[in-house]
């Protein structure tokens, strides 16, 4: 039974992955319905406000759902939100068994759906591939518990830890397969964040570009720009993109520059500064969380990397190593961060390593002792 449950829950996870980056602030959830060893229904949550995964799977199965087994990556909801409770549809469908990957992380409703189904005579099994189900929804879990987005710090760098060949000069260090990987990641992330220095040097688009794929979306573009140095004719403000650009500045930044950026389509957000007179990063991320942003990809540059890491804001680290050495003329991965602020011990939990062409991807979660918000 355990191996069978794992096999079908894996299929539900594959369904859930189809919704990554589309469902915020809701989780990505997948479901399959099995009848006598045959998958008769599949579904996933497609976007917030739309039917949940269970509803799609039940509709796909039709009458074949009766007496069957529902495998769902997240506990079915008992409460009524923008859509009716999934538990009602499960009862009406005649399903005999519900197998759950993970409980709802919201402490106000956790366990309620499973308990209700059990009380109605439906067999319930929980905790199947729980770790994989949680990994799929790190952003939702953190956001539902803290109001803050899941923060991934990403960089392409040389073997000696340089993110540019020369200071003030920006160009890609990694190859085409690593580039495609990053764009797939952008396609699944709510927002991408850079500092204004990177914006001025690279004049980037910060869009998702996947060759041959029609199901792509651009993440929200977030620029940290305390004194509003971003020009109104920046490429990211002149391109054809459905995503917005939010520029975070200090409360004393020039009002005329704010008006120019607003006229160019940007949204300027004024926030406090911290004790070092830099933008209060916690205030930035809290604002994003309050606006239903559950995941942020921090792409730099070095000062931004140093700030988010030094303040313990990074949840996940993603480093793409190119197979060469640059030396002292290059820009380091982080600036403004000193080792004595953090113990020199292993920072990763659940690290993974893979090759992408000639490049090497190192990715891992940051251990709780290195984060101020877990």
Protein backbone atom coordinates (compact mmCIF):
# COMPACT_ATOMS: atom_id res chain seq x y z
CA UNK A 1 0.00 0.00 0.00
CA UNK A 2 2.82 2.41 0.87
CA UNK A 3 4.58 2.01 -2.49
CA UNK A 4 1.27 2.33 -4.32
CA UNK A 5 0.38 5.51 -2.42
CA UNK A 6 3.80 6.99 -3.17
CA UNK A 7 3.46 6.20 -6.87
CA UNK A 8 0.13 7.96 -7.25
CA UNK A 9 1.14 10.88 -5.01
CA UNK A 10 4.10 11.40 -7.30
CA UNK A 11 1.65 11.78 -10.18
CA UNK A 12 -0.27 14.34 -8.11
CA UNK A 13 2.96 16.25 -7.55
CA UNK A 14 3.56 16.36 -11.29
CA UNK A 15 0.10 17.88 -11.66
CA UNK A 16 0.85 20.44 -8.94
CA UNK A 17 4.03 21.56 -10.69
CA UNK A 18 1.92 22.79 -13.62
CA UNK A 19 0.61 25.60 -11.41
CA UNK A 20 3.94 26.86 -10.07
CA UNK A 21 4.13 30.63 -10.28
CA UNK A 22 0.45 31.01 -11.17
CA UNK A 23 -1.45 30.46 -7.93
CA UNK A 24 -0.16 33.05 -5.43
CA UNK A 25 -1.08 33.66 -2.73
CA UNK A 26 -2.55 30.15 -2.91
CA UNK A 27 -0.42 26.98 -2.96
CA UNK A 28 0.36 24.82 -5.97
CA UNK A 29 -1.76 21.69 -5.56
CA UNK A 30 -2.24 18.61 -7.70
CA UNK A 31 -4.67 15.72 -7.52
CA UNK A 32 -5.33 12.38 -9.22
CA UNK A 33 -8.20 9.94 -8.81
CA UNK A 34 -7.55 6.21 -9.03
CA UNK A 35 -10.16 3.53 -9.66
CA UNK A 36 -9.05 -0.12 -9.43
CA UNK A 37 -5.45 0.75 -10.26
CA UNK A 38 -6.30 3.09 -13.14
CA UNK A 39 -5.90 6.87 -13.06
CA UNK A 40 -9.32 8.18 -14.10
CA UNK A 41 -9.02 11.85 -13.16
CA UNK A 42 -6.31 14.52 -12.98
CA UNK A 43 -6.30 18.16 -12.00
CA UNK A 44 -4.29 21.03 -10.58
CA UNK A 45 -4.97 24.46 -9.11
CA UNK A 46 -4.43 26.88 -11.97
CA UNK A 47 -4.75 30.33 -10.36
CA UNK A 48 -6.09 32.01 -7.23
CA UNK A 49 -9.87 32.29 -7.30
CA UNK A 50 -10.29 29.37 -9.71
CA UNK A 51 -11.40 25.82 -8.77
CA UNK A 52 -8.98 23.81 -6.68
CA UNK A 53 -7.13 20.71 -7.84
CA UNK A 54 -9.66 18.31 -6.32
CA UNK A 55 -12.52 19.93 -8.24
CA UNK A 56 -10.71 19.58 -11.57
CA UNK A 57 -9.82 15.95 -10.85
CA UNK A 58 -13.40 15.09 -9.86
CA UNK A 59 -14.76 16.75 -13.00
CA UNK A 60 -12.22 14.87 -15.10
CA UNK A 61 -13.18 11.53 -13.54
CA UNK A 62 -16.93 12.07 -13.65
CA UNK A 63 -18.90 9.03 -12.48
CA UNK A 64 -15.69 6.99 -12.32
CA UNK A 65 -14.76 8.89 -9.14
CA UNK A 66 -17.42 7.01 -7.13
CA UNK A 67 -15.73 4.49 -4.84
CA UNK A 68 -12.29 5.63 -5.97
CA UNK A 69 -9.20 7.01 -4.24
CA UNK A 70 -8.26 10.70 -4.37
CA UNK A 71 -4.56 11.53 -4.06
CA UNK A 72 -4.00 15.23 -3.29
CA UNK A 73 -0.77 16.99 -2.37
CA UNK A 74 -2.39 19.33 0.19
CA UNK A 75 -5.18 18.69 2.69
CA UNK A 76 -8.58 19.51 1.14
CA UNK A 77 -10.07 22.74 2.43
CA UNK A 78 -13.04 22.70 4.81
CA UNK A 79 -13.52 26.49 4.87
CA UNK A 80 -15.21 28.69 2.29
CA UNK A 81 -13.01 31.31 0.64
CA UNK A 82 -13.18 32.52 -2.95
CA UNK A 83 -14.34 29.02 -3.86
CA UNK A 84 -16.60 26.50 -2.02
CA UNK A 85 -15.02 23.93 0.34
CA UNK A 86 -13.43 21.01 -1.51
CA UNK A 87 -14.64 18.62 1.17
CA UNK A 88 -18.23 19.14 -0.03
CA UNK A 89 -17.33 18.18 -3.60
CA UNK A 90 -15.43 15.13 -2.33
CA UNK A 91 -18.50 13.93 -0.41
CA UNK A 92 -20.81 14.55 -3.36
CA UNK A 93 -18.51 12.63 -5.74
CA UNK A 94 -18.75 9.40 -3.76
CA UNK A 95 -15.00 8.99 -3.30
CA UNK A 96 -14.17 6.26 -0.78
CA UNK A 97 -10.64 7.21 0.21
CA UNK A 98 -8.56 10.41 0.34
CA UNK A 99 -4.76 10.22 0.54
CA UNK A 100 -3.12 13.51 1.59
CA UNK A 101 0.47 14.61 1.03
CA UNK A 102 0.66 17.32 3.70
CA UNK A 103 -1.63 19.08 6.15
CA UNK A 104 -2.67 22.67 5.51
CA UNK A 105 0.04 24.80 7.22
CA UNK A 106 -2.49 27.41 8.35
CA UNK A 107 -2.90 26.74 12.09
CA UNK A 108 -6.51 27.98 11.98
CA UNK A 109 -7.60 25.23 9.61
CA UNK A 110 -4.87 22.57 9.87
CA UNK A 111 -6.34 19.09 10.10
CA UNK A 112 -9.91 20.32 9.75
CA UNK A 113 -10.49 18.96 6.26
CA UNK A 114 -9.06 15.54 7.04
CA UNK A 115 -10.99 15.29 10.31
CA UNK A 116 -14.27 16.23 8.64
CA UNK A 117 -13.84 13.68 5.85
CA UNK A 118 -13.02 10.96 8.38
CA UNK A 119 -16.16 11.84 10.40
CA UNK A 120 -18.21 11.44 7.22
CA UNK A 121 -17.02 7.84 6.78
CA UNK A 122 -14.28 8.46 4.20
CA UNK A 123 -10.98 6.66 4.77
CA UNK A 124 -8.16 9.22 5.14
CA UNK A 125 -4.42 8.60 4.97
CA UNK A 126 -1.94 11.44 5.44
CA UNK A 127 1.78 12.20 5.18
CA UNK A 128 2.48 10.46 1.85
CA UNK A 129 5.57 12.04 0.22
CA UNK A 130 5.12 14.84 2.74
CA UNK A 131 8.65 16.21 2.34
CA UNK A 132 8.26 16.52 -1.44
CA UNK A 133 4.85 18.16 -1.04
CA UNK A 134 6.28 20.69 1.40
CA UNK A 135 9.25 21.42 -0.86
CA UNK A 136 6.89 22.29 -3.69
CA UNK A 137 5.18 24.89 -1.52
CA UNK A 138 7.92 26.50 0.55
CA UNK A 139 6.69 29.96 -0.55
CA UNK A 140 3.08 29.28 0.47
CA UNK A 141 4.11 27.75 3.80
CA UNK A 142 6.32 30.71 4.74
CA UNK A 143 3.87 33.34 3.51
CA UNK A 144 0.89 31.78 5.30
CA UNK A 145 2.86 31.66 8.57
CA UNK A 146 4.76 34.96 8.48
CA UNK A 147 3.26 37.16 5.77
CA UNK A 148 6.67 37.28 4.08
CA UNK A 149 7.74 35.83 0.72
CA UNK A 150 10.19 32.97 0.23
CA UNK A 151 13.51 34.54 -0.78
CA UNK A 152 15.88 32.80 -3.19
CA UNK A 153 19.30 34.40 -3.71
CA UNK A 154 20.63 33.51 -7.17
CA UNK A 155 23.93 34.32 -8.88
CA UNK A 156 26.03 33.24 -11.84
CA UNK A 157 29.68 33.33 -10.85
CA UNK A 158 33.19 32.10 -11.56
CA UNK A 159 34.88 29.32 -9.62
CA UNK A 160 36.58 31.95 -7.45
CA UNK A 161 33.29 33.61 -6.58
CA UNK A 162 33.19 36.62 -8.95
CA UNK A 163 29.89 37.71 -10.49
CA UNK A 164 31.45 40.06 -13.09
CA UNK A 165 34.76 40.05 -14.96
CA UNK A 166 35.42 43.68 -14.03
CA UNK A 167 33.69 45.98 -11.61
CA UNK A 168 31.03 48.06 -13.32
CA UNK A 169 30.81 45.72 -16.31
CA UNK A 170 27.93 43.29 -16.59
CA UNK A 171 27.75 40.34 -18.98
CA UNK A 172 26.64 36.72 -18.58
CA UNK A 173 29.23 34.32 -17.18
CA UNK A 174 27.28 31.09 -17.59
CA UNK A 175 26.21 29.25 -20.73
CA UNK A 176 22.92 28.68 -22.57
CA UNK A 177 21.70 25.74 -20.47
CA UNK A 178 22.17 27.70 -17.27
CA UNK A 179 20.35 30.64 -18.87
CA UNK A 180 17.40 28.42 -19.77
CA UNK A 181 17.32 27.10 -16.20
CA UNK A 182 17.14 30.64 -14.81
CA UNK A 183 14.32 31.57 -17.15
CA UNK A 184 12.36 28.47 -16.11
CA UNK A 185 12.86 29.62 -12.52
CA UNK A 186 11.62 33.12 -13.37
CA UNK A 187 8.57 31.52 -14.93
CA UNK A 188 7.72 29.96 -11.55
CA UNK A 189 8.54 32.95 -9.30
CA UNK A 190 6.32 35.86 -8.31
CA UNK A 191 8.98 38.58 -8.34
CA UNK A 192 12.57 39.24 -9.37
CA UNK A 193 14.62 41.78 -7.42
CA UNK A 194 17.79 43.72 -8.27
CA UNK A 195 19.55 46.84 -7.06
CA UNK A 196 19.64 50.02 -9.12
CA UNK A 197 23.38 49.65 -9.82
CA UNK A 198 22.69 46.39 -11.65
CA UNK A 199 19.80 48.07 -13.49
CA UNK A 200 22.06 50.94 -14.62
CA UNK A 201 24.96 48.68 -15.69
CA UNK A 202 22.98 45.95 -17.48
CA UNK A 203 19.77 47.78 -18.47
CA UNK A 204 18.02 44.38 -18.23
CA UNK A 205 14.55 43.35 -19.32
CA UNK A 206 13.95 41.05 -16.31
CA UNK A 207 11.49 38.99 -18.32
CA UNK A 208 10.97 35.27 -18.93
CA UNK A 209 12.28 34.07 -22.28
CA UNK A 210 11.77 30.36 -22.98
CA UNK A 211 12.18 29.27 -26.58
CA UNK A 212 9.28 27.21 -27.89
CA UNK A 213 7.11 27.63 -24.78
CA UNK A 214 3.74 29.34 -24.95
CA UNK A 215 2.92 29.08 -21.23
CA UNK A 216 5.29 31.74 -19.93
CA UNK A 217 4.80 34.73 -17.68
CA UNK A 218 7.03 37.57 -16.55
CA UNK A 219 7.58 38.02 -12.81
CA UNK A 220 6.98 41.31 -11.06
CA UNK A 221 10.13 43.44 -11.43
CA UNK A 222 11.39 44.95 -8.15
CA UNK A 223 14.15 47.59 -8.16
CA UNK A 224 15.84 48.87 -4.98
CA UNK A 225 16.59 52.52 -5.80
CA UNK A 226 16.85 54.71 -2.72
CA UNK A 227 17.39 58.01 -4.58
CA UNK A 228 15.49 57.14 -7.80
CA UNK A 229 18.41 56.92 -10.24
CA UNK A 230 16.57 54.55 -12.59
CA UNK A 231 15.98 56.48 -15.86
CA UNK A 232 12.41 56.66 -17.20
CA UNK A 233 13.64 55.24 -20.52
CA UNK A 234 15.09 52.08 -18.94
CA UNK A 235 14.56 49.03 -21.14
CA UNK A 236 12.37 47.30 -18.56
CA UNK A 237 9.91 50.23 -18.78
CA UNK A 238 9.78 50.31 -22.59
CA UNK A 239 9.22 46.64 -23.41
CA UNK A 240 6.09 44.66 -24.14
CA UNK A 241 5.43 42.92 -20.83
CA UNK A 242 2.30 42.35 -18.79
CA UNK A 243 4.30 42.42 -15.55
CA UNK A 244 4.69 45.59 -13.53
CA UNK A 245 7.88 47.30 -12.36
CA UNK A 246 7.94 48.47 -8.75
CA UNK A 247 10.70 50.87 -7.71
CA UNK A 248 11.36 51.11 -3.97
CA UNK A 249 12.89 54.38 -2.82
CA UNK A 250 13.43 56.33 0.38
CA UNK A 251 10.81 58.68 1.79
CA UNK A 252 12.97 61.67 0.86
CA UNK A 253 13.61 60.75 -2.80
CA UNK A 254 12.92 63.40 -5.47
CA UNK A 255 9.19 63.85 -6.21
CA UNK A 256 9.90 64.98 -9.78
CA UNK A 257 11.78 61.75 -10.53
CA UNK A 258 8.91 59.78 -9.01
CA UNK A 259 6.47 61.49 -11.38
CA UNK A 260 8.70 60.71 -14.37
CA UNK A 261 8.91 57.03 -13.46
CA UNK A 262 5.17 56.84 -12.84
CA UNK A 263 4.58 58.37 -16.27
CA UNK A 264 6.78 55.63 -17.75
CA UNK A 265 4.61 52.92 -16.21
CA UNK A 266 6.53 52.15 -13.03
CA UNK A 267 5.04 52.10 -9.55
CA UNK A 268 7.16 54.00 -7.03
CA UNK A 269 6.92 52.82 -3.42
CA UNK A 270 8.43 54.89 -0.61
CA UNK A 271 9.68 53.01 2.44
CA UNK A 272 11.78 53.85 5.50
CA UNK A 273 15.56 53.49 5.67
CA UNK A 274 17.41 51.44 8.26
CA UNK A 275 20.12 52.56 10.69
CA UNK A 276 22.70 52.55 7.87
CA UNK A 277 20.48 54.87 5.80
CA UNK A 278 19.80 52.11 3.29
CA UNK A 279 16.34 50.92 2.32
CA UNK A 280 14.75 48.78 5.02
CA UNK A 281 14.74 45.39 3.30
CA UNK A 282 12.32 43.85 5.79
CA UNK A 283 9.88 46.65 4.94
CA UNK A 284 10.33 45.87 1.23
CA UNK A 285 9.62 42.17 1.67
CA UNK A 286 6.73 42.80 4.03
CA UNK A 287 5.16 45.14 1.46
CA UNK A 288 5.56 42.47 -1.21
CA UNK A 289 4.01 39.84 1.05
CA UNK A 290 1.06 42.10 1.82
CA UNK A 291 0.50 42.34 -1.94
CA UNK A 292 0.24 38.54 -2.39
CA UNK A 293 3.84 38.02 -3.50
CA UNK A 294 4.97 34.69 -2.02
CA UNK A 295 8.36 34.19 -3.74
CA UNK A 296 11.19 36.54 -4.69
CA UNK A 297 14.26 35.76 -6.80
CA UNK A 298 17.10 38.07 -5.72
CA UNK A 299 19.49 38.44 -8.65
CA UNK A 300 21.84 41.09 -7.27
CA UNK A 301 24.19 42.76 -7.44
CA UNK A 302 26.85 42.25 -4.82
CA UNK A 303 25.59 44.89 -2.38
CA UNK A 304 22.05 43.57 -2.55
CA UNK A 305 23.34 40.01 -2.06
CA UNK A 306 25.38 41.18 0.93
CA UNK A 307 22.44 42.99 2.46
CA UNK A 308 19.87 40.18 2.18
CA UNK A 309 22.39 37.59 3.33
CA UNK A 310 23.84 39.70 6.13
CA UNK A 311 20.36 40.37 7.51
CA UNK A 312 19.42 36.69 7.50
CA UNK A 313 16.66 37.10 4.93
CA UNK A 314 17.70 34.34 2.49
CA UNK A 315 15.70 31.10 2.53
CA UNK A 316 17.36 29.37 -0.41
CA UNK A 317 20.66 29.82 -2.23
CA UNK A 318 21.14 29.06 -5.92
CA UNK A 319 24.66 29.41 -7.36
CA UNK A 320 25.58 28.75 -10.99
CA UNK A 321 29.34 28.27 -11.33
CA UNK A 322 31.03 28.91 -14.68
CA UNK A 323 34.22 26.86 -15.35
CA UNK A 324 36.83 29.62 -15.14
CA UNK A 325 38.63 31.93 -12.71
CA UNK A 326 38.43 35.74 -12.94
CA UNK A 327 40.64 37.10 -10.18
CA UNK A 328 40.73 40.33 -8.20
CA UNK A 329 39.35 42.63 -10.92
CA UNK A 330 35.96 40.93 -10.76
CA UNK A 331 33.08 41.73 -8.42
CA UNK A 332 32.62 39.33 -5.46
CA UNK A 333 29.35 37.54 -4.81
CA UNK A 334 28.59 39.70 -1.75
CA UNK A 335 29.76 43.09 -0.51
CA UNK A 336 29.13 44.72 2.82
CA UNK A 337 29.03 41.42 4.68
CA UNK A 338 31.61 40.30 7.25
CA UNK A 339 32.08 36.69 8.32
CA UNK A 340 32.12 37.44 12.04
CA UNK A 341 28.40 38.24 11.83
CA UNK A 342 27.66 34.57 11.11
CA UNK A 343 29.40 31.38 12.27
CA UNK A 344 31.71 29.78 9.69
CA UNK A 345 29.78 26.51 9.53
CA UNK A 346 27.74 24.67 6.93
CA UNK A 347 24.87 26.88 5.76
CA UNK A 348 22.99 24.35 3.61
CA UNK A 349 20.33 21.80 4.34
CA UNK A 350 19.18 19.51 1.54
CA UNK A 351 21.87 20.66 -0.94
CA UNK A 352 21.82 19.48 -4.55
CA UNK A 353 24.46 19.67 -7.28
CA UNK A 354 23.89 19.22 -11.01
CA UNK A 355 25.60 20.10 -14.27
CA UNK A 356 24.06 22.43 -16.84
CA UNK A 357 26.27 22.14 -19.89
CA UNK A 358 29.71 23.31 -18.76
CA UNK A 359 28.30 25.00 -15.66
CA UNK A 360 27.62 23.61 -12.19
CA UNK A 361 24.47 24.39 -10.22
CA UNK A 362 24.67 24.29 -6.42
CA UNK A 363 21.32 24.76 -4.71
CA UNK A 364 20.20 24.33 -1.14
CA UNK A 365 17.93 25.54 1.63
CA UNK A 366 19.50 27.78 4.26
CA UNK A 367 19.62 26.28 7.73
CA UNK A 368 17.31 27.95 10.30
CA UNK A 369 20.18 29.39 12.37
CA UNK A 370 21.17 31.56 9.40
CA UNK A 371 17.68 33.01 8.98
CA UNK A 372 15.83 35.50 11.13
CA UNK A 373 12.45 34.39 9.74
CA UNK A 374 11.93 30.65 9.23
